[in-house]
Amino acid sequence: MSTLHKQLARYAQECERVDADRWVLALTNGQALTVSARRDDGFLLLDADTGLTPSLEQFVPITERANKFPAAVKFALGRRSDAWRLRAEFPLPEGALDAGERIREHLDGMRIAAHRLHYWVS
């Protein structure tokens, strides 16, 4: 088991390794959120389908509030559906302690952003 896998498993409720550089994580904070994690050239890329499709009237207010998402979390529009996605990407530091802290920060950011997005849309 790699150090990165151990760190992802530590901060997610569930962590399934798909291959050497990809994982599927389960996060919760009021709602369940499935996050894919992928290591790519020294970066960790996080992506999650929120399952939410805000109305056209909600689009501008939500985009204005999105700057309040923690860490480097942002939302994106899906290519194949109208559901909004949450994404974050960040460089993996060399040290295991720094990498673990950065992973915790961004997974917590994904949880908080998903919770806020659900609240704003409801």
PDB file of N, CA and C in Angstrom:
ATOM      1  N   MET A   1       0.855  -1.174   0.000  1.00  0.00           N
ATOM      2  CA  MET A   1       0.000   0.000   0.000  1.00  0.00           C
ATOM      3  C   MET A   1       0.904   1.241   0.000  1.00  0.00           C
ATOM      4  N   SER A   2       0.650   2.148  -0.916  1.00  0.00           N
ATOM      5  CA  SER A   2       1.480   3.347  -1.033  1.00  0.00           C
ATOM      6  C   SER A   2       1.144   4.360   0.060  1.00  0.00           C
ATOM      7  N   THR A   3       2.056   5.279   0.288  1.00  0.00           N
ATOM      8  CA  THR A   3       1.840   6.348   1.266  1.00  0.00           C
ATOM      9  C   THR A   3       0.642   7.195   0.866  1.00  0.00           C
ATOM     10  N   LEU A   4       0.517   7.497  -0.425  1.00  0.00           N
ATOM     11  CA  LEU A   4      -0.616   8.303  -0.890  1.00  0.00           C
ATOM     12  C   LEU A   4      -1.932   7.584  -0.615  1.00  0.00           C
ATOM     13  N   HIS A   5      -1.981   6.289  -0.881  1.00  0.00           N
ATOM     14  CA  HIS A   5      -3.198   5.517  -0.614  1.00  0.00           C
ATOM     15  C   HIS A   5      -3.546   5.565   0.876  1.00  0.00           C
ATOM     16  N   LYS A   6      -2.560   5.415   1.737  1.00  0.00           N
ATOM     17  CA  LYS A   6      -2.798   5.466   3.185  1.00  0.00           C
ATOM     18  C   LYS A   6      -3.349   6.823   3.607  1.00  0.00           C
ATOM     19  N   GLN A   7      -2.813   7.889   3.017  1.00  0.00           N
ATOM     20  CA  GLN A   7      -3.287   9.228   3.374  1.00  0.00           C
ATOM     21  C   GLN A   7      -4.710   9.459   2.882  1.00  0.00           C
ATOM     22  N   LEU A   8      -5.021   9.024   1.674  1.00  0.00           N
ATOM     23  CA  LEU A   8      -6.390   9.159   1.167  1.00  0.00           C
ATOM     24  C   LEU A   8      -7.354   8.366   2.045  1.00  0.00           C
ATOM     25  N   ALA A   9      -6.979   7.145   2.395  1.00  0.00           N
ATOM     26  CA  ALA A   9      -7.834   6.289   3.228  1.00  0.00           C
ATOM     27  C   ALA A   9      -8.032   6.892   4.623  1.00  0.00           C
ATOM     28  N   ARG A  10      -7.042   7.587   5.114  1.00  0.00           N
ATOM     29  CA  ARG A  10      -7.125   8.193   6.444  1.00  0.00           C
ATOM     30  C   ARG A  10      -8.180   9.290   6.508  1.00  0.00           C
ATOM     31  N   TYR A  11      -8.338  10.045   5.432  1.00  0.00           N
ATOM     32  CA  TYR A  11      -9.223  11.213   5.448  1.00  0.00           C
ATOM     33  C   TYR A  11     -10.549  11.007   4.720  1.00  0.00           C
ATOM     34  N   ALA A  12     -10.777   9.830   4.173  1.00  0.00           N
ATOM     35  CA  ALA A  12     -12.051   9.513   3.512  1.00  0.00           C
ATOM     36  C   ALA A  12     -12.757   8.421   4.318  1.00  0.00           C
ATOM     37  N   GLN A  13     -14.074   8.365   4.222  1.00  0.00           N
ATOM     38  CA  GLN A  13     -14.811   7.305   4.907  1.00  0.00           C
ATOM     39  C   GLN A  13     -14.531   5.957   4.234  1.00  0.00           C
ATOM     40  N   GLU A  14     -14.364   5.970   2.923  1.00  0.00           N
ATOM     41  CA  GLU A  14     -13.997   4.767   2.175  1.00  0.00           C
ATOM     42  C   GLU A  14     -12.996   5.161   1.101  1.00  0.00           C
ATOM     43  N   CYS A  15     -12.093   4.242   0.784  1.00  0.00           N
ATOM     44  CA  CYS A  15     -11.066   4.500  -0.223  1.00  0.00           C
ATOM     45  C   CYS A  15     -10.809   3.207  -0.985  1.00  0.00           C
ATOM     46  N   GLU A  16     -11.102   3.225  -2.269  1.00  0.00           N
ATOM     47  CA  GLU A  16     -10.873   2.060  -3.123  1.00  0.00           C
ATOM     48  C   GLU A  16      -9.844   2.427  -4.186  1.00  0.00           C
ATOM     49  N   ARG A  17      -8.790   1.658  -4.255  1.00  0.00           N
ATOM     50  CA  ARG A  17      -7.756   1.900  -5.264  1.00  0.00           C
ATOM     51  C   ARG A  17      -8.185   1.265  -6.583  1.00  0.00           C
ATOM     52  N   VAL A  18      -8.219   2.067  -7.635  1.00  0.00           N
ATOM     53  CA  VAL A  18      -8.615   1.591  -8.963  1.00  0.00           C
ATOM     54  C   VAL A  18      -7.392   1.072  -9.717  1.00  0.00           C
ATOM     55  N   ASP A  19      -6.306   1.827  -9.669  1.00  0.00           N
ATOM     56  CA  ASP A  19      -5.025   1.407 -10.234  1.00  0.00           C
ATOM     57  C   ASP A  19      -3.927   2.181  -9.506  1.00  0.00           C
ATOM     58  N   ALA A  20      -2.715   2.152 -10.020  1.00  0.00           N
ATOM     59  CA  ALA A  20      -1.578   2.757  -9.316  1.00  0.00           C
ATOM     60  C   ALA A  20      -1.746   4.249  -9.064  1.00  0.00           C
ATOM     61  N   ASP A  21      -2.524   4.943  -9.902  1.00  0.00           N
ATOM     62  CA  ASP A  21      -2.656   6.398  -9.784  1.00  0.00           C
ATOM     63  C   ASP A  21      -4.087   6.897  -9.658  1.00  0.00           C
ATOM     64  N   ARG A  22      -5.050   5.991  -9.402  1.00  0.00           N
ATOM     65  CA  ARG A  22      -6.454   6.424  -9.312  1.00  0.00           C
ATOM     66  C   ARG A  22      -7.152   5.740  -8.145  1.00  0.00           C
ATOM     67  N   TRP A  23      -8.036   6.520  -7.478  1.00  0.00           N
ATOM     68  CA  TRP A  23      -8.804   6.029  -6.354  1.00  0.00           C
ATOM     69  C   TRP A  23     -10.238   6.549  -6.456  1.00  0.00           C
ATOM     70  N   VAL A  24     -11.153   5.848  -5.799  1.00  0.00           N
ATOM     71  CA  VAL A  24     -12.529   6.318  -5.625  1.00  0.00           C
ATOM     72  C   VAL A  24     -12.738   6.441  -4.125  1.00  0.00           C
ATOM     73  N   LEU A  25     -13.155   7.646  -3.709  1.00  0.00           N
ATOM     74  CA  LEU A  25     -13.312   7.952  -2.291  1.00  0.00           C
ATOM     75  C   LEU A  25     -14.772   8.230  -1.966  1.00  0.00           C
ATOM     76  N   ALA A  26     -15.180   7.858  -0.781  1.00  0.00           N
ATOM     77  CA  ALA A  26     -16.513   8.209  -0.282  1.00  0.00           C
ATOM     78  C   ALA A  26     -16.325   9.214   0.842  1.00  0.00           C
ATOM     79  N   LEU A  27     -16.981  10.370   0.715  1.00  0.00           N
ATOM     80  CA  LEU A  27     -16.942  11.418   1.727  1.00  0.00           C
ATOM     81  C   LEU A  27     -18.365  11.699   2.180  1.00  0.00           C
ATOM     82  N   THR A  28     -18.521  12.153   3.403  1.00  0.00           N
ATOM     83  CA  THR A  28     -19.849  12.555   3.876  1.00  0.00           C
ATOM     84  C   THR A  28     -19.744  13.839   4.689  1.00  0.00           C
ATOM     85  N   ASN A  29     -20.801  14.638   4.596  1.00  0.00           N
ATOM     86  CA  ASN A  29     -20.982  15.838   5.410  1.00  0.00           C
ATOM     87  C   ASN A  29     -22.439  16.247   5.235  1.00  0.00           C
ATOM     88  N   GLY A  30     -23.313  15.421   5.742  1.00  0.00           N
ATOM     89  CA  GLY A  30     -24.737  15.647   5.526  1.00  0.00           C
ATOM     90  C   GLY A  30     -25.246  14.902   4.303  1.00  0.00           C
ATOM     91  N   GLN A  31     -24.471  14.901   3.236  1.00  0.00           N
ATOM     92  CA  GLN A  31     -24.784  14.157   2.021  1.00  0.00           C
ATOM     93  C   GLN A  31     -23.558  13.319   1.646  1.00  0.00           C
ATOM     94  N   ALA A  32     -23.822  12.200   1.002  1.00  0.00           N
ATOM     95  CA  ALA A  32     -22.723  11.372   0.512  1.00  0.00           C
ATOM     96  C   ALA A  32     -22.154  12.007  -0.756  1.00  0.00           C
ATOM     97  N   LEU A  33     -20.852  11.916  -0.914  1.00  0.00           N
ATOM     98  CA  LEU A  33     -20.175  12.453  -2.089  1.00  0.00           C
ATOM     99  C   LEU A  33     -19.122  11.448  -2.520  1.00  0.00           C
ATOM    100  N   THR A  34     -19.211  11.010  -3.768  1.00  0.00           N
ATOM    101  CA  THR A  34     -18.207  10.108  -4.327  1.00  0.00           C
ATOM    102  C   THR A  34     -17.207  10.950  -5.094  1.00  0.00           C
ATOM    103  N   VAL A  35     -15.939  10.819  -4.742  1.00  0.00           N
ATOM    104  CA  VAL A  35     -14.873  11.623  -5.326  1.00  0.00           C
ATOM    105  C   VAL A  35     -13.871  10.711  -6.005  1.00  0.00           C
ATOM    106  N   SER A  36     -13.536  11.042  -7.243  1.00  0.00           N
ATOM    107  CA  SER A  36     -12.439  10.332  -7.886  1.00  0.00           C
ATOM    108  C   SER A  36     -11.172  11.137  -7.649  1.00  0.00           C
ATOM    109  N   ALA A  37     -10.096  10.433  -7.336  1.00  0.00           N
ATOM    110  CA  ALA A  37      -8.793  11.062  -7.116  1.00  0.00           C
ATOM    111  C   ALA A  37      -7.818  10.445  -8.111  1.00  0.00           C
ATOM    112  N   ARG A  38      -7.027  11.320  -8.735  1.00  0.00           N
ATOM    113  CA  ARG A  38      -6.058  10.834  -9.732  1.00  0.00           C
ATOM    114  C   ARG A  38      -4.752  11.587  -9.559  1.00  0.00           C
ATOM    115  N   ARG A  39      -3.660  10.815  -9.483  1.00  0.00           N
ATOM    116  CA  ARG A  39      -2.327  11.419  -9.424  1.00  0.00           C
ATOM    117  C   ARG A  39      -1.844  11.597 -10.855  1.00  0.00           C
ATOM    118  N   ASP A  40      -1.392  12.803 -11.170  1.00  0.00           N
ATOM    119  CA  ASP A  40      -0.927  13.096 -12.524  1.00  0.00           C
ATOM    120  C   ASP A  40       0.246  14.058 -12.454  1.00  0.00           C
ATOM    121  N   ASP A  41       1.429  13.557 -12.739  1.00  0.00           N
ATOM    122  CA  ASP A  41       2.633  14.381 -12.842  1.00  0.00           C
ATOM    123  C   ASP A  41       2.848  15.280 -11.622  1.00  0.00           C
ATOM    124  N   GLY A  42       2.774  14.675 -10.427  1.00  0.00           N
ATOM    125  CA  GLY A  42       3.039  15.428  -9.209  1.00  0.00           C
ATOM    126  C   GLY A  42       1.853  16.196  -8.657  1.00  0.00           C
ATOM    127  N   PHE A  43       0.691  16.080  -9.289  1.00  0.00           N
ATOM    128  CA  PHE A  43      -0.529  16.743  -8.819  1.00  0.00           C
ATOM    129  C   PHE A  43      -1.546  15.691  -8.420  1.00  0.00           C
ATOM    130  N   LEU A  44      -2.438  16.050  -7.507  1.00  0.00           N
ATOM    131  CA  LEU A  44      -3.586  15.214  -7.194  1.00  0.00           C
ATOM    132  C   LEU A  44      -4.815  15.957  -7.698  1.00  0.00           C
ATOM    133  N   LEU A  45      -5.607  15.292  -8.527  1.00  0.00           N
ATOM    134  CA  LEU A  45      -6.805  15.877  -9.124  1.00  0.00           C
ATOM    135  C   LEU A  45      -8.025  15.213  -8.489  1.00  0.00           C
ATOM    136  N   LEU A  46      -8.917  16.007  -7.946  1.00  0.00           N
ATOM    137  CA  LEU A  46     -10.148  15.519  -7.322  1.00  0.00           C
ATOM    138  C   LEU A  46     -11.339  15.947  -8.166  1.00  0.00           C
ATOM    139  N   ASP A  47     -12.314  15.046  -8.322  1.00  0.00           N
ATOM    140  CA  ASP A  47     -13.491  15.338  -9.144  1.00  0.00           C
ATOM    141  C   ASP A  47     -14.692  14.614  -8.545  1.00  0.00           C
ATOM    142  N   ALA A  48     -15.836  15.310  -8.442  1.00  0.00           N
ATOM    143  CA  ALA A  48     -17.047  14.704  -7.893  1.00  0.00           C
ATOM    144  C   ALA A  48     -18.284  15.240  -8.595  1.00  0.00           C
ATOM    145  N   ASP A  49     -19.198  14.353  -8.931  1.00  0.00           N
ATOM    146  CA  ASP A  49     -20.498  14.719  -9.479  1.00  0.00           C
ATOM    147  C   ASP A  49     -21.410  15.021  -8.297  1.00  0.00           C
ATOM    148  N   THR A  50     -21.933  16.244  -8.223  1.00  0.00           N
ATOM    149  CA  THR A  50     -22.782  16.620  -7.089  1.00  0.00           C
ATOM    150  C   THR A  50     -24.191  16.054  -7.209  1.00  0.00           C
ATOM    151  N   GLY A  51     -24.588  15.678  -8.423  1.00  0.00           N
ATOM    152  CA  GLY A  51     -25.955  15.224  -8.633  1.00  0.00           C
ATOM    153  C   GLY A  51     -26.954  16.369  -8.652  1.00  0.00           C
ATOM    154  N   LEU A  52     -26.473  17.598  -8.578  1.00  0.00           N
ATOM    155  CA  LEU A  52     -27.344  18.773  -8.538  1.00  0.00           C
ATOM    156  C   LEU A  52     -27.381  19.467  -9.892  1.00  0.00           C
ATOM    157  N   THR A  53     -28.556  19.915 -10.266  1.00  0.00           N
ATOM    158  CA  THR A  53     -28.721  20.695 -11.481  1.00  0.00           C
ATOM    159  C   THR A  53     -29.489  21.961 -11.113  1.00  0.00           C
ATOM    160  N   PRO A  54     -28.767  22.984 -10.695  1.00  0.00           N
ATOM    161  CA  PRO A  54     -29.444  24.228 -10.309  1.00  0.00           C
ATOM    162  C   PRO A  54     -30.199  24.852 -11.487  1.00  0.00           C
ATOM    163  N   SER A  55     -31.232  25.573 -11.152  1.00  0.00           N
ATOM    164  CA  SER A  55     -32.022  26.249 -12.184  1.00  0.00           C
ATOM    165  C   SER A  55     -31.221  27.411 -12.762  1.00  0.00           C
ATOM    166  N   LEU A  56     -31.664  27.905 -13.887  1.00  0.00           N
ATOM    167  CA  LEU A  56     -31.009  29.039 -14.533  1.00  0.00           C
ATOM    168  C   LEU A  56     -30.991  30.262 -13.608  1.00  0.00           C
ATOM    169  N   GLU A  57     -32.065  30.455 -12.831  1.00  0.00           N
ATOM    170  CA  GLU A  57     -32.132  31.584 -11.907  1.00  0.00           C
ATOM    171  C   GLU A  57     -31.101  31.463 -10.785  1.00  0.00           C
ATOM    172  N   GLN A  58     -30.700  30.244 -10.454  1.00  0.00           N
ATOM    173  CA  GLN A  58     -29.735  30.025  -9.378  1.00  0.00           C
ATOM    174  C   GLN A  58     -28.291  30.149  -9.862  1.00  0.00           C
ATOM    175  N   PHE A  59     -28.075  30.092 -11.153  1.00  0.00           N
ATOM    176  CA  PHE A  59     -26.724  30.024 -11.702  1.00  0.00           C
ATOM    177  C   PHE A  59     -25.844  31.203 -11.263  1.00  0.00           C
ATOM    178  N   VAL A  60     -26.284  32.425 -11.494  1.00  0.00           N
ATOM    179  CA  VAL A  60     -25.456  33.598 -11.166  1.00  0.00           C
ATOM    180  C   VAL A  60     -25.227  33.713  -9.662  1.00  0.00           C
ATOM    181  N   PRO A  61     -26.262  33.623  -8.820  1.00  0.00           N
ATOM    182  CA  PRO A  61     -25.991  33.721  -7.380  1.00  0.00           C
ATOM    183  C   PRO A  61     -25.026  32.647  -6.870  1.00  0.00           C
ATOM    184  N   ILE A  62     -25.148  31.440  -7.389  1.00  0.00           N
ATOM    185  CA  ILE A  62     -24.252  30.371  -6.938  1.00  0.00           C
ATOM    186  C   ILE A  62     -22.828  30.624  -7.419  1.00  0.00           C
ATOM    187  N   THR A  63     -22.665  31.059  -8.654  1.00  0.00           N
ATOM    188  CA  THR A  63     -21.307  31.329  -9.136  1.00  0.00           C
ATOM    189  C   THR A  63     -20.667  32.472  -8.348  1.00  0.00           C
ATOM    190  N   GLU A  64     -21.458  33.435  -7.919  1.00  0.00           N
ATOM    191  CA  GLU A  64     -20.915  34.519  -7.101  1.00  0.00           C
ATOM    192  C   GLU A  64     -20.483  34.027  -5.722  1.00  0.00           C
ATOM    193  N   ARG A  65     -21.176  33.029  -5.187  1.00  0.00           N
ATOM    194  CA  ARG A  65     -20.839  32.485  -3.873  1.00  0.00           C
ATOM    195  C   ARG A  65     -19.710  31.456  -3.932  1.00  0.00           C
ATOM    196  N   ALA A  66     -19.441  30.920  -5.095  1.00  0.00           N
ATOM    197  CA  ALA A  66     -18.468  29.831  -5.218  1.00  0.00           C
ATOM    198  C   ALA A  66     -17.063  30.235  -4.771  1.00  0.00           C
ATOM    199  N   ASN A  67     -16.765  31.529  -4.756  1.00  0.00           N
ATOM    200  CA  ASN A  67     -15.449  31.948  -4.274  1.00  0.00           C
ATOM    201  C   ASN A  67     -15.285  31.702  -2.777  1.00  0.00           C
ATOM    202  N   LYS A  68     -16.364  31.336  -2.112  1.00  0.00           N
ATOM    203  CA  LYS A  68     -16.305  31.010  -0.688  1.00  0.00           C
ATOM    204  C   LYS A  68     -15.988  29.539  -0.443  1.00  0.00           C
ATOM    205  N   PHE A  69     -15.861  28.744  -1.508  1.00  0.00           N
ATOM    206  CA  PHE A  69     -15.475  27.351  -1.334  1.00  0.00           C
ATOM    207  C   PHE A  69     -14.079  27.294  -0.730  1.00  0.00           C
ATOM    208  N   PRO A  70     -13.861  26.419   0.227  1.00  0.00           N
ATOM    209  CA  PRO A  70     -12.538  26.332   0.843  1.00  0.00           C
ATOM    210  C   PRO A  70     -11.515  25.630  -0.056  1.00  0.00           C
ATOM    211  N   ALA A  71     -10.252  25.777   0.339  1.00  0.00           N
ATOM    212  CA  ALA A  71      -9.125  25.155  -0.381  1.00  0.00           C
ATOM    213  C   ALA A  71      -9.174  25.602  -1.836  1.00  0.00           C
ATOM    214  N   ALA A  72      -8.837  24.746  -2.743  1.00  0.00           N
ATOM    215  CA  ALA A  72      -8.831  25.092  -4.170  1.00  0.00           C
ATOM    216  C   ALA A  72     -10.047  24.499  -4.876  1.00  0.00           C
ATOM    217  N   VAL A  73     -11.129  24.292  -4.147  1.00  0.00           N
ATOM    218  CA  VAL A  73     -12.321  23.666  -4.714  1.00  0.00           C
ATOM    219  C   VAL A  73     -13.064  24.669  -5.585  1.00  0.00           C
ATOM    220  N   LYS A  74     -13.498  24.195  -6.737  1.00  0.00           N
ATOM    221  CA  LYS A  74     -14.294  25.013  -7.658  1.00  0.00           C
ATOM    222  C   LYS A  74     -15.386  24.127  -8.235  1.00  0.00           C
ATOM    223  N   PHE A  75     -16.380  24.742  -8.845  1.00  0.00           N
ATOM    224  CA  PHE A  75     -17.380  23.907  -9.495  1.00  0.00           C
ATOM    225  C   PHE A  75     -17.190  23.980 -10.995  1.00  0.00           C
ATOM    226  N   ALA A  76     -17.686  22.948 -11.655  1.00  0.00           N
ATOM    227  CA  ALA A  76     -17.575  22.857 -13.112  1.00  0.00           C
ATOM    228  C   ALA A  76     -18.879  22.292 -13.649  1.00  0.00           C
ATOM    229  N   LEU A  77     -19.160  22.622 -14.878  1.00  0.00           N
ATOM    230  CA  LEU A  77     -20.332  22.061 -15.544  1.00  0.00           C
ATOM    231  C   LEU A  77     -19.916  20.777 -16.235  1.00  0.00           C
ATOM    232  N   GLY A  78     -20.759  19.746 -16.141  1.00  0.00           N
ATOM    233  CA  GLY A  78     -20.448  18.461 -16.754  1.00  0.00           C
ATOM    234  C   GLY A  78     -20.613  18.489 -18.260  1.00  0.00           C
ATOM    235  N   ARG A  79     -19.896  17.620 -18.918  1.00  0.00           N
ATOM    236  CA  ARG A  79     -19.998  17.522 -20.382  1.00  0.00           C
ATOM    237  C   ARG A  79     -21.195  16.702 -20.822  1.00  0.00           C
ATOM    238  N   ARG A  80     -21.496  15.656 -20.069  1.00  0.00           N
ATOM    239  CA  ARG A  80     -22.537  14.725 -20.507  1.00  0.00           C
ATOM    240  C   ARG A  80     -23.881  14.937 -19.814  1.00  0.00           C
ATOM    241  N   SER A  81     -23.877  15.763 -18.784  1.00  0.00           N
ATOM    242  CA  SER A  81     -25.137  16.007 -18.082  1.00  0.00           C
ATOM    243  C   SER A  81     -25.154  17.462 -17.612  1.00  0.00           C
ATOM    244  N   ASP A  82     -26.293  17.853 -17.087  1.00  0.00           N
ATOM    245  CA  ASP A  82     -26.432  19.211 -16.563  1.00  0.00           C
ATOM    246  C   ASP A  82     -25.981  19.311 -15.111  1.00  0.00           C
ATOM    247  N   ALA A  83     -25.647  18.179 -14.493  1.00  0.00           N
ATOM    248  CA  ALA A  83     -25.254  18.183 -13.089  1.00  0.00           C
ATOM    249  C   ALA A  83     -23.918  18.895 -12.906  1.00  0.00           C
ATOM    250  N   TRP A  84     -23.825  19.642 -11.835  1.00  0.00           N
ATOM    251  CA  TRP A  84     -22.597  20.361 -11.536  1.00  0.00           C
ATOM    252  C   TRP A  84     -21.607  19.443 -10.847  1.00  0.00           C
ATOM    253  N   ARG A  85     -20.335  19.698 -11.074  1.00  0.00           N
ATOM    254  CA  ARG A  85     -19.252  18.913 -10.506  1.00  0.00           C
ATOM    255  C   ARG A  85     -18.420  19.801  -9.586  1.00  0.00           C
ATOM    256  N   LEU A  86     -17.774  19.183  -8.627  1.00  0.00           N
ATOM    257  CA  LEU A  86     -16.793  19.865  -7.797  1.00  0.00           C
ATOM    258  C   LEU A  86     -15.423  19.337  -8.186  1.00  0.00           C
ATOM    259  N   ARG A  87     -14.450  20.231  -8.275  1.00  0.00           N
ATOM    260  CA  ARG A  87     -13.098  19.835  -8.652  1.00  0.00           C
ATOM    261  C   ARG A  87     -12.082  20.581  -7.808  1.00  0.00           C
ATOM    262  N   ALA A  88     -10.952  19.928  -7.624  1.00  0.00           N
ATOM    263  CA  ALA A  88      -9.795  20.560  -6.970  1.00  0.00           C
ATOM    264  C   ALA A  88      -8.551  19.866  -7.496  1.00  0.00           C
ATOM    265  N   GLU A  89      -7.498  20.631  -7.630  1.00  0.00           N
ATOM    266  CA  GLU A  89      -6.209  20.053  -8.012  1.00  0.00           C
ATOM    267  C   GLU A  89      -5.128  20.806  -7.269  1.00  0.00           C
ATOM    268  N   PHE A  90      -4.119  20.076  -6.863  1.00  0.00           N
ATOM    269  CA  PHE A  90      -3.048  20.689  -6.092  1.00  0.00           C
ATOM    270  C   PHE A  90      -1.784  19.856  -6.219  1.00  0.00           C
ATOM    271  N   PRO A  91      -0.629  20.518  -6.108  1.00  0.00           N
ATOM    272  CA  PRO A  91       0.624  19.767  -6.182  1.00  0.00           C
ATOM    273  C   PRO A  91       0.821  18.947  -4.907  1.00  0.00           C
ATOM    274  N   LEU A  92       1.336  17.750  -5.080  1.00  0.00           N
ATOM    275  CA  LEU A  92       1.662  16.910  -3.930  1.00  0.00           C
ATOM    276  C   LEU A  92       3.049  17.284  -3.417  1.00  0.00           C
ATOM    277  N   PRO A  93       3.149  17.718  -2.175  1.00  0.00           N
ATOM    278  CA  PRO A  93       4.464  18.068  -1.640  1.00  0.00           C
ATOM    279  C   PRO A  93       5.345  16.828  -1.497  1.00  0.00           C
ATOM    280  N   GLU A  94       6.637  17.060  -1.382  1.00  0.00           N
ATOM    281  CA  GLU A  94       7.597  15.967  -1.236  1.00  0.00           C
ATOM    282  C   GLU A  94       7.419  15.224   0.088  1.00  0.00           C
ATOM    283  N   GLY A  95       7.233  15.951   1.175  1.00  0.00           N
ATOM    284  CA  GLY A  95       7.159  15.329   2.495  1.00  0.00           C
ATOM    285  C   GLY A  95       5.809  14.692   2.763  1.00  0.00           C
ATOM    286  N   ALA A  96       5.824  13.525   3.400  1.00  0.00           N
ATOM    287  CA  ALA A  96       4.584  12.803   3.685  1.00  0.00           C
ATOM    288  C   ALA A  96       3.662  13.598   4.607  1.00  0.00           C
ATOM    289  N   LEU A  97       4.225  14.291   5.612  1.00  0.00           N
ATOM    290  CA  LEU A  97       3.385  15.070   6.524  1.00  0.00           C
ATOM    291  C   LEU A  97       2.700  16.218   5.805  1.00  0.00           C
ATOM    292  N   ASP A  98       3.445  16.932   4.959  1.00  0.00           N
ATOM    293  CA  ASP A  98       2.858  18.037   4.197  1.00  0.00           C
ATOM    294  C   ASP A  98       1.804  17.528   3.225  1.00  0.00           C
ATOM    295  N   ALA A  99       2.068  16.395   2.585  1.00  0.00           N
ATOM    296  CA  ALA A  99       1.099  15.828   1.638  1.00  0.00           C
ATOM    297  C   ALA A  99      -0.179  15.426   2.370  1.00  0.00           C
ATOM    298  N   GLY A 100      -0.039  14.810   3.541  1.00  0.00           N
ATOM    299  CA  GLY A 100      -1.220  14.409   4.311  1.00  0.00           C
ATOM    300  C   GLY A 100      -2.066  15.599   4.713  1.00  0.00           C
ATOM    301  N   GLU A 101      -1.423  16.666   5.131  1.00  0.00           N
ATOM    302  CA  GLU A 101      -2.163  17.876   5.514  1.00  0.00           C
ATOM    303  C   GLU A 101      -2.876  18.489   4.313  1.00  0.00           C
ATOM    304  N   ARG A 102      -2.216  18.519   3.182  1.00  0.00           N
ATOM    305  CA  ARG A 102      -2.830  19.086   1.984  1.00  0.00           C
ATOM    306  C   ARG A 102      -4.011  18.224   1.519  1.00  0.00           C
ATOM    307  N   ILE A 103      -3.877  16.919   1.584  1.00  0.00           N
ATOM    308  CA  ILE A 103      -4.982  16.021   1.221  1.00  0.00           C
ATOM    309  C   ILE A 103      -6.156  16.239   2.164  1.00  0.00           C
ATOM    310  N   ARG A 104      -5.902  16.296   3.463  1.00  0.00           N
ATOM    311  CA  ARG A 104      -6.974  16.540   4.426  1.00  0.00           C
ATOM    312  C   ARG A 104      -7.688  17.853   4.131  1.00  0.00           C
ATOM    313  N   GLU A 105      -6.920  18.899   3.888  1.00  0.00           N
ATOM    314  CA  GLU A 105      -7.485  20.220   3.609  1.00  0.00           C
ATOM    315  C   GLU A 105      -8.404  20.191   2.389  1.00  0.00           C
ATOM    316  N   HIS A 106      -7.987  19.538   1.324  1.00  0.00           N
ATOM    317  CA  HIS A 106      -8.779  19.541   0.102  1.00  0.00           C
ATOM    318  C   HIS A 106      -9.971  18.595   0.163  1.00  0.00           C
ATOM    319  N   LEU A 107      -9.843  17.459   0.840  1.00  0.00           N
ATOM    320  CA  LEU A 107     -11.006  16.587   1.014  1.00  0.00           C
ATOM    321  C   LEU A 107     -12.040  17.261   1.912  1.00  0.00           C
ATOM    322  N   ASP A 108     -11.584  17.936   2.956  1.00  0.00           N
ATOM    323  CA  ASP A 108     -12.522  18.713   3.782  1.00  0.00           C
ATOM    324  C   ASP A 108     -13.180  19.813   2.941  1.00  0.00           C
ATOM    325  N   GLY A 109     -12.404  20.438   2.060  1.00  0.00           N
ATOM    326  CA  GLY A 109     -12.959  21.456   1.161  1.00  0.00           C
ATOM    327  C   GLY A 109     -14.037  20.890   0.258  1.00  0.00           C
ATOM    328  N   MET A 110     -13.836  19.677  -0.246  1.00  0.00           N
ATOM    329  CA  MET A 110     -14.845  19.030  -1.090  1.00  0.00           C
ATOM    330  C   MET A 110     -16.118  18.765  -0.285  1.00  0.00           C
ATOM    331  N   ARG A 111     -15.959  18.284   0.949  1.00  0.00           N
ATOM    332  CA  ARG A 111     -17.125  18.033   1.811  1.00  0.00           C
ATOM    333  C   ARG A 111     -17.907  19.323   2.054  1.00  0.00           C
ATOM    334  N   ILE A 112     -17.192  20.370   2.443  1.00  0.00           N
ATOM    335  CA  ILE A 112     -17.838  21.647   2.762  1.00  0.00           C
ATOM    336  C   ILE A 112     -18.504  22.244   1.526  1.00  0.00           C
ATOM    337  N   ALA A 113     -17.815  22.217   0.389  1.00  0.00           N
ATOM    338  CA  ALA A 113     -18.382  22.767  -0.852  1.00  0.00           C
ATOM    339  C   ALA A 113     -19.645  22.012  -1.253  1.00  0.00           C
ATOM    340  N   ALA A 114     -19.634  20.690  -1.142  1.00  0.00           N
ATOM    341  CA  ALA A 114     -20.827  19.900  -1.487  1.00  0.00           C
ATOM    342  C   ALA A 114     -21.985  20.271  -0.569  1.00  0.00           C
ATOM    343  N   HIS A 115     -21.701  20.415   0.714  1.00  0.00           N
ATOM    344  CA  HIS A 115     -22.731  20.790   1.672  1.00  0.00           C
ATOM    345  C   HIS A 115     -23.315  22.167   1.333  1.00  0.00           C
ATOM    346  N   ARG A 116     -22.438  23.136   1.063  1.00  0.00           N
ATOM    347  CA  ARG A 116     -22.908  24.486   0.713  1.00  0.00           C
ATOM    348  C   ARG A 116     -23.713  24.484  -0.569  1.00  0.00           C
ATOM    349  N   LEU A 117     -23.246  23.764  -1.567  1.00  0.00           N
ATOM    350  CA  LEU A 117     -23.956  23.717  -2.858  1.00  0.00           C
ATOM    351  C   LEU A 117     -25.348  23.111  -2.670  1.00  0.00           C
ATOM    352  N   HIS A 118     -25.462  22.046  -1.893  1.00  0.00           N
ATOM    353  CA  HIS A 118     -26.781  21.455  -1.618  1.00  0.00           C
ATOM    354  C   HIS A 118     -27.680  22.460  -0.904  1.00  0.00           C
ATOM    355  N   TYR A 119     -27.118  23.192   0.034  1.00  0.00           N
ATOM    356  CA  TYR A 119     -27.905  24.199   0.770  1.00  0.00           C
ATOM    357  C   TYR A 119     -28.366  25.314  -0.168  1.00  0.00           C
ATOM    358  N   TRP A 120     -27.477  25.806  -1.034  1.00  0.00           N
ATOM    359  CA  TRP A 120     -27.819  26.894  -1.933  1.00  0.00           C
ATOM    360  C   TRP A 120     -28.874  26.501  -2.958  1.00  0.00           C
ATOM    361  N   VAL A 121     -28.847  25.250  -3.383  1.00  0.00           N
ATOM    362  CA  VAL A 121     -29.784  24.801  -4.415  1.00  0.00           C
ATOM    363  C   VAL A 121     -31.144  24.473  -3.812  1.00  0.00           C
ATOM    364  N   SER A 122     -31.179  24.049  -2.542  1.00  0.00           N
ATOM    365  CA  SER A 122     -32.457  23.655  -1.943  1.00  0.00           C
ATOM    366  C   SER A 122     -33.321  24.835  -1.571  1.00  0.00           C
TER     367      SER A 122
END
